Amino acid sequence: MNPISNTDEISVVLNALTTDMAVSVSWPTLYQWAGSSPLAVEHYPQLLRHWKQIWRGSRKGTPVPTVFLYHGTAKLTLVRENTLDDPPAVALQDLANVLMAK
């Protein structure tokens, strides 16, 4: 089954993932894109191919980072591996402890 609609909206989400570490997309949007509810197993490889195409188009020459999926009740959250261009991650607890110690 090929995705039949909402390709532009999915592209916008995946384009945002090239600059942001995480993005979310609502389940209804994904279901409309896929033409099925719930998503079928074959939709995940299609989403991955679309991600790779978008990454390679915007970041020529850099390896495509792995994307991790978090299945929430209202949306699917996609979190990508960091790249050398990304700022370092800082734990909220570390910042809170530093500020509370002052």
Protein backbone atom coordinates (compact mmCIF):
# COMPACT_ATOMS: atom_id res chain seq x y z
CA MET A 1 0.00 0.00 0.00
CA ASN A 2 1.35 3.42 -0.91
CA PRO A 3 0.68 6.52 1.15
CA ILE A 4 -2.08 8.40 -0.61
CA SER A 5 -2.37 11.76 1.14
CA ASN A 6 -0.77 14.17 3.59
CA THR A 7 2.64 13.57 2.01
CA ASP A 8 3.33 17.31 2.21
CA GLU A 9 2.53 17.40 5.92
CA ILE A 10 4.74 14.37 6.59
CA SER A 11 7.49 16.03 4.54
CA VAL A 12 7.20 19.17 6.68
CA VAL A 13 7.57 17.07 9.84
CA LEU A 14 10.57 15.19 8.47
CA ASN A 15 12.16 18.42 7.21
CA ALA A 16 11.82 19.84 10.72
CA LEU A 17 13.63 16.75 12.00
CA THR A 18 16.70 17.71 9.96
CA THR A 19 17.21 20.76 12.21
CA ASP A 20 15.40 19.72 15.39
CA MET A 21 16.28 16.66 17.45
CA ALA A 22 12.65 15.62 17.88
CA VAL A 23 9.30 16.19 16.19
CA SER A 24 5.82 14.82 16.68
CA VAL A 25 3.04 14.02 14.25
CA SER A 26 -0.54 13.23 15.21
CA TRP A 27 -1.86 9.74 14.64
CA PRO A 28 -4.76 11.01 12.48
CA THR A 29 -2.25 12.72 10.18
CA LEU A 30 -0.22 9.52 9.90
CA TYR A 31 -3.34 7.43 9.30
CA GLN A 32 -4.46 9.78 6.55
CA TRP A 33 -0.99 9.68 4.97
CA ALA A 34 -0.90 5.89 5.10
CA GLY A 35 -4.51 5.36 4.13
CA SER A 36 -4.99 2.99 7.05
CA SER A 37 -5.58 3.00 10.77
CA PRO A 38 -3.53 1.75 12.49
CA LEU A 39 -0.35 1.98 10.48
CA ALA A 40 0.54 -1.26 8.76
CA VAL A 41 3.99 -2.79 9.04
CA GLU A 42 4.89 -1.71 5.49
CA HIS A 43 4.33 1.96 6.32
CA TYR A 44 7.40 2.14 8.57
CA PRO A 45 9.86 1.31 5.74
CA GLN A 46 8.08 3.91 3.57
CA LEU A 47 8.48 6.50 6.30
CA LEU A 48 12.15 5.55 6.66
CA ARG A 49 12.76 5.91 2.91
CA HIS A 50 11.09 9.32 2.98
CA TRP A 51 13.27 10.36 5.95
CA LYS A 52 16.45 9.26 4.20
CA GLN A 53 15.48 11.10 1.03
CA ILE A 54 14.79 14.32 2.94
CA TRP A 55 17.98 14.05 5.02
CA ARG A 56 20.16 13.42 1.99
CA GLY A 57 18.54 16.33 0.17
CA SER A 58 19.29 18.77 2.98
CA ARG A 59 22.53 17.36 4.41
CA LYS A 60 24.43 16.07 1.42
CA GLY A 61 27.45 14.01 2.42
CA THR A 62 26.56 13.42 6.06
CA PRO A 63 25.36 9.99 7.22
CA VAL A 64 21.64 9.61 7.81
CA PRO A 65 21.06 9.49 11.58
CA THR A 66 18.96 6.77 13.14
CA VAL A 67 15.47 7.87 14.14
CA PHE A 68 13.82 6.44 17.24
CA LEU A 69 10.04 6.28 17.56
CA TYR A 70 8.00 6.90 20.69
CA HIS A 71 4.39 5.79 20.33
CA GLY A 72 2.29 8.16 22.41
CA THR A 73 -1.47 8.08 22.78
CA ALA A 74 -2.08 11.18 20.64
CA LYS A 75 1.01 11.30 18.46
CA LEU A 76 4.13 9.60 17.23
CA THR A 77 7.33 11.31 18.33
CA LEU A 78 10.44 10.90 16.20
CA VAL A 79 13.81 11.54 17.85
CA ARG A 80 16.94 11.45 15.75
CA GLU A 81 20.52 10.71 16.74
CA ASN A 82 22.62 13.78 17.23
CA THR A 83 25.12 14.89 14.62
CA LEU A 84 28.37 16.80 14.96
CA ASP A 85 26.46 19.98 14.08
CA ASP A 86 24.03 19.61 16.99
CA PRO A 87 24.59 21.34 20.32
CA PRO A 88 25.41 18.97 23.17
CA ALA A 89 22.56 17.59 25.24
CA VAL A 90 22.23 18.88 28.78
CA ALA A 91 20.26 17.00 31.41
CA LEU A 92 17.50 19.07 32.97
CA GLN A 93 18.49 17.70 36.37
CA ASP A 94 22.05 18.98 35.92
CA LEU A 95 20.85 22.50 35.11
CA ALA A 96 18.37 22.46 37.97
CA ASN A 97 21.02 21.30 40.43
CA VAL A 98 23.44 24.04 39.34
CA LEU A 99 20.79 26.73 39.66
CA MET A 100 19.49 25.43 42.99
CA ALA A 101 23.03 25.33 44.44
CA LYS A 102 23.41 29.09 44.02
